[in-house]
Amino acid sequence: MAQPMPNFVFEDGTLREFTPEDLERLTETVNRVLARMQAAGAVIVTASVDEVS
């Protein structure tokens, strides 16, 4: 199986590899936003793709 490509983020004028801490921070932010939207009555629909051929 092929290795996944690294993800990069441009932050403070520097391009660097996306870290597990970045993912954790992003996940927490998204969860807070989703909670606020749901509290405001928004209907949230999501989908995921496990594998792309």
N, C-alpha and C. Protein backbone atom coordinates (compact mmCIF):
# COMPACT_ATOMS: atom_id res chain seq x y z
N MET A 1 0.84 -1.18 0.00
CA MET A 1 0.00 0.00 0.00
C MET A 1 0.89 1.25 0.00
N ALA A 2 0.51 2.23 -0.75
CA ALA A 2 1.29 3.46 -0.86
C ALA A 2 1.24 4.26 0.44
N GLN A 3 2.34 4.95 0.70
CA GLN A 3 2.40 5.82 1.88
C GLN A 3 1.53 7.05 1.62
N PRO A 4 0.80 7.52 2.65
CA PRO A 4 0.02 8.74 2.46
C PRO A 4 0.94 9.94 2.27
N MET A 5 0.50 10.88 1.46
CA MET A 5 1.28 12.09 1.26
C MET A 5 1.20 12.96 2.51
N PRO A 6 2.30 13.59 2.88
CA PRO A 6 2.24 14.49 4.04
C PRO A 6 1.39 15.72 3.71
N ASN A 7 0.78 16.27 4.71
CA ASN A 7 0.00 17.49 4.56
C ASN A 7 0.82 18.64 5.11
N PHE A 8 0.65 19.79 4.51
CA PHE A 8 1.39 20.97 4.94
C PHE A 8 0.44 22.09 5.30
N VAL A 9 0.91 22.98 6.17
CA VAL A 9 0.14 24.14 6.59
C VAL A 9 1.05 25.36 6.47
N PHE A 10 0.47 26.47 6.03
CA PHE A 10 1.21 27.73 5.95
C PHE A 10 0.80 28.56 7.14
N GLU A 11 1.72 28.76 8.06
CA GLU A 11 1.40 29.46 9.30
C GLU A 11 2.53 30.42 9.66
N ASP A 12 2.18 31.64 9.98
CA ASP A 12 3.17 32.65 10.37
C ASP A 12 4.27 32.82 9.32
N GLY A 13 3.89 32.75 8.06
CA GLY A 13 4.85 32.96 6.98
C GLY A 13 5.75 31.78 6.68
N THR A 14 5.45 30.62 7.28
CA THR A 14 6.30 29.44 7.09
C THR A 14 5.45 28.24 6.65
N LEU A 15 5.94 27.53 5.65
CA LEU A 15 5.29 26.29 5.22
C LEU A 15 5.92 25.15 6.01
N ARG A 16 5.10 24.40 6.72
CA ARG A 16 5.63 23.30 7.53
C ARG A 16 4.68 22.11 7.45
N GLU A 17 5.19 20.95 7.85
CA GLU A 17 4.37 19.74 7.82
C GLU A 17 3.30 19.80 8.91
N PHE A 18 2.10 19.35 8.56
CA PHE A 18 0.96 19.30 9.46
C PHE A 18 1.24 18.27 10.55
N THR A 19 1.10 18.63 11.82
CA THR A 19 1.44 17.74 12.94
C THR A 19 0.19 17.17 13.59
N PRO A 20 0.35 16.13 14.41
CA PRO A 20 -0.79 15.61 15.17
C PRO A 20 -1.42 16.69 16.06
N GLU A 21 -0.61 17.61 16.57
CA GLU A 21 -1.15 18.70 17.39
C GLU A 21 -2.03 19.62 16.56
N ASP A 22 -1.64 19.86 15.30
CA ASP A 22 -2.48 20.66 14.40
C ASP A 22 -3.83 19.98 14.19
N LEU A 23 -3.79 18.67 13.98
CA LEU A 23 -5.03 17.92 13.78
C LEU A 23 -5.92 17.99 15.01
N GLU A 24 -5.32 17.87 16.19
CA GLU A 24 -6.10 17.95 17.43
C GLU A 24 -6.73 19.34 17.57
N ARG A 25 -5.96 20.39 17.30
CA ARG A 25 -6.46 21.75 17.40
C ARG A 25 -7.60 21.99 16.39
N LEU A 26 -7.42 21.49 15.16
CA LEU A 26 -8.45 21.63 14.13
C LEU A 26 -9.71 20.88 14.51
N THR A 27 -9.57 19.66 15.02
CA THR A 27 -10.72 18.85 15.42
C THR A 27 -11.50 19.53 16.54
N GLU A 28 -10.81 20.06 17.53
CA GLU A 28 -11.48 20.76 18.63
C GLU A 28 -12.24 21.97 18.12
N THR A 29 -11.64 22.72 17.21
CA THR A 29 -12.30 23.90 16.65
C THR A 29 -13.54 23.52 15.87
N VAL A 30 -13.43 22.50 15.03
CA VAL A 30 -14.58 22.05 14.24
C VAL A 30 -15.70 21.57 15.16
N ASN A 31 -15.37 20.83 16.21
CA ASN A 31 -16.40 20.35 17.13
C ASN A 31 -17.11 21.49 17.83
N ARG A 32 -16.37 22.55 18.21
CA ARG A 32 -17.00 23.73 18.83
C ARG A 32 -17.94 24.42 17.85
N VAL A 33 -17.50 24.58 16.61
CA VAL A 33 -18.33 25.23 15.59
C VAL A 33 -19.59 24.41 15.33
N LEU A 34 -19.44 23.10 15.18
CA LEU A 34 -20.62 22.24 14.96
C LEU A 34 -21.60 22.33 16.12
N ALA A 35 -21.10 22.34 17.34
CA ALA A 35 -21.98 22.45 18.51
C ALA A 35 -22.75 23.77 18.49
N ARG A 36 -22.09 24.86 18.14
CA ARG A 36 -22.77 26.16 18.06
C ARG A 36 -23.83 26.17 16.97
N MET A 37 -23.49 25.59 15.83
CA MET A 37 -24.45 25.55 14.72
C MET A 37 -25.67 24.71 15.09
N GLN A 38 -25.44 23.56 15.70
CA GLN A 38 -26.55 22.70 16.10
C GLN A 38 -27.40 23.38 17.15
N ALA A 39 -26.78 24.10 18.09
CA ALA A 39 -27.52 24.82 19.11
C ALA A 39 -28.39 25.92 18.50
N ALA A 40 -27.94 26.45 17.37
CA ALA A 40 -28.70 27.50 16.68
C ALA A 40 -29.76 26.91 15.76
N GLY A 41 -29.86 25.58 15.71
CA GLY A 41 -30.91 24.94 14.93
C GLY A 41 -30.49 24.50 13.54
N ALA A 42 -29.21 24.59 13.23
CA ALA A 42 -28.75 24.16 11.90
C ALA A 42 -28.80 22.64 11.79
N VAL A 43 -29.09 22.17 10.60
CA VAL A 43 -29.06 20.74 10.32
C VAL A 43 -27.72 20.44 9.68
N ILE A 44 -26.95 19.55 10.29
CA ILE A 44 -25.61 19.22 9.82
C ILE A 44 -25.64 17.85 9.14
N VAL A 45 -25.18 17.79 7.90
CA VAL A 45 -25.11 16.53 7.16
C VAL A 45 -23.65 16.31 6.79
N THR A 46 -23.13 15.14 7.13
CA THR A 46 -21.74 14.83 6.81
C THR A 46 -21.65 13.50 6.08
N ALA A 47 -20.55 13.30 5.39
CA ALA A 47 -20.26 12.04 4.73
C ALA A 47 -18.77 11.81 4.79
N SER A 48 -18.36 10.57 4.70
CA SER A 48 -16.94 10.27 4.68
C SER A 48 -16.64 9.23 3.61
N VAL A 49 -15.42 9.26 3.15
CA VAL A 49 -14.95 8.28 2.16
C VAL A 49 -13.78 7.56 2.79
N ASP A 50 -13.87 6.25 2.89
CA ASP A 50 -12.81 5.47 3.50
C ASP A 50 -11.67 5.17 2.52
N GLU A 51 -12.00 4.99 1.25
CA GLU A 51 -10.97 4.64 0.30
C GLU A 51 -11.37 5.16 -1.07
N VAL A 52 -10.40 5.70 -1.76
CA VAL A 52 -10.62 6.16 -3.12
C VAL A 52 -9.82 5.27 -4.05
N SER A 53 -10.47 4.76 -5.06
CA SER A 53 -9.73 3.86 -5.97
C SER A 53 -9.37 4.58 -7.25
